[in-house]
Amino acid sequence: MLKASLALTAFVAVLAIPAAFAVSSKPAPATVARTLLQQMNSGPDGRITHRVTCTRVPRLERNFSCDLQSAISTHLGARIAIVDGGVSTTWQPLAG
């Protein structure tokens, strides 16, 4: 019973991430950053991301450039595009 309850909770959380973007057709960069931070820290590894900052890509209303800072201070870039109520993420390769 407990396993089924936990699985259902995880399933609902996974569905809620794209739904947060679908509510607004033009979400603010802070909303995208907060949602991405929650998504990154909700996995089995716990809190792996310390900070996320996003900026809107010029001339593209639903595209964002985000910088993720890990708990050990490494940086990872991501391009977020909101397409048809869903989220498309393109991760930039790590340097080095």
Protein backbone atom coordinates (compact mmCIF):
# COMPACT_ATOMS: atom_id res chain seq x y z
CA MET A 1 0.00 0.00 0.00
CA LEU A 2 2.80 2.41 0.87
CA LYS A 3 4.64 1.68 -2.39
CA ALA A 4 1.48 2.36 -4.40
CA SER A 5 0.94 5.62 -2.55
CA LEU A 6 4.51 6.77 -3.19
CA ALA A 7 4.32 5.79 -6.85
CA LEU A 8 1.07 7.72 -7.28
CA THR A 9 2.58 10.79 -5.59
CA ALA A 10 5.64 10.66 -7.87
CA PHE A 11 3.43 10.24 -10.94
CA VAL A 12 1.34 13.29 -10.03
CA ALA A 13 4.50 15.35 -9.43
CA VAL A 14 5.89 14.42 -12.86
CA LEU A 15 2.66 15.52 -14.52
CA ALA A 16 2.61 18.80 -12.57
CA ILE A 17 5.92 20.10 -13.96
CA PRO A 18 4.72 20.61 -17.57
CA ALA A 19 1.32 21.75 -16.30
CA ALA A 20 2.97 24.65 -14.48
CA PHE A 21 4.17 25.98 -17.83
CA ALA A 22 0.89 25.32 -19.61
CA VAL A 23 -1.05 27.67 -17.31
CA SER A 24 0.67 30.75 -18.70
CA SER A 25 1.32 31.21 -22.38
CA LYS A 26 4.21 33.59 -21.59
CA PRO A 27 5.73 32.54 -18.25
CA ALA A 28 8.19 34.81 -16.50
CA PRO A 29 11.86 33.78 -16.34
CA ALA A 30 11.57 33.50 -12.54
CA THR A 31 8.72 30.99 -12.93
CA VAL A 32 10.75 28.88 -15.34
CA ALA A 33 13.78 28.99 -13.01
CA ARG A 34 11.74 28.02 -9.94
CA THR A 35 10.05 25.13 -11.75
CA LEU A 36 13.35 23.84 -13.15
CA LEU A 37 14.94 24.04 -9.68
CA GLN A 38 12.08 22.04 -8.18
CA GLN A 39 12.32 19.47 -10.97
CA MET A 40 16.07 19.03 -10.52
CA ASN A 41 15.84 18.64 -6.74
CA SER A 42 12.84 16.29 -6.65
CA GLY A 43 14.71 13.17 -7.77
CA PRO A 44 16.08 10.33 -5.69
CA ASP A 45 19.45 12.07 -5.29
CA GLY A 46 17.93 14.87 -3.21
CA ARG A 47 19.12 18.47 -3.46
CA ILE A 48 21.61 18.52 -6.34
CA THR A 49 20.97 22.03 -7.70
CA HIS A 50 21.73 25.11 -5.63
CA ARG A 51 20.55 27.90 -7.93
CA VAL A 52 18.88 28.38 -11.32
CA THR A 53 18.77 31.67 -13.21
CA CYS A 54 16.88 32.09 -16.47
CA THR A 55 16.64 34.89 -19.00
CA ARG A 56 14.28 35.18 -21.94
CA VAL A 57 15.88 34.67 -25.35
CA PRO A 58 15.45 37.89 -27.39
CA ARG A 59 12.66 37.80 -30.00
CA LEU A 60 11.42 34.38 -28.80
CA GLU A 61 8.66 34.76 -26.20
CA ARG A 62 8.67 31.17 -24.99
CA ASN A 63 12.39 30.36 -25.06
CA PHE A 64 14.71 30.76 -22.11
CA SER A 65 18.42 30.42 -21.50
CA CYS A 66 19.09 29.01 -18.03
CA ASP A 67 22.19 28.51 -15.92
CA LEU A 68 22.08 25.81 -13.26
CA GLN A 69 24.57 25.90 -10.40
CA SER A 70 25.02 22.55 -8.66
CA ALA A 71 25.47 21.98 -4.95
CA ILE A 72 29.22 21.67 -5.61
CA SER A 73 29.32 24.95 -7.62
CA THR A 74 29.63 23.55 -11.15
CA HIS A 75 27.57 25.24 -13.86
CA LEU A 76 25.40 23.71 -16.56
CA GLY A 77 23.58 25.61 -19.27
CA ALA A 78 20.17 24.73 -20.65
CA ARG A 79 17.83 26.10 -23.29
CA ILE A 80 14.17 25.78 -22.35
CA ALA A 81 11.44 26.03 -24.99
CA ILE A 82 7.76 25.91 -24.13
CA VAL A 83 6.01 24.19 -27.03
CA ASP A 84 2.32 23.23 -27.12
CA GLY A 85 2.00 23.34 -23.33
CA GLY A 86 5.01 21.06 -22.84
CA VAL A 87 8.66 21.71 -22.14
CA SER A 88 11.61 20.96 -24.41
CA THR A 89 15.02 21.14 -22.72
CA THR A 90 18.34 21.19 -24.57
CA TRP A 91 21.32 20.70 -22.28
CA GLN A 92 24.56 22.39 -23.25
CA PRO A 93 27.69 20.23 -22.99
CA LEU A 94 29.97 20.64 -20.00
CA ALA A 95 33.24 22.39 -20.76
CA GLY A 96 36.41 20.38 -20.08
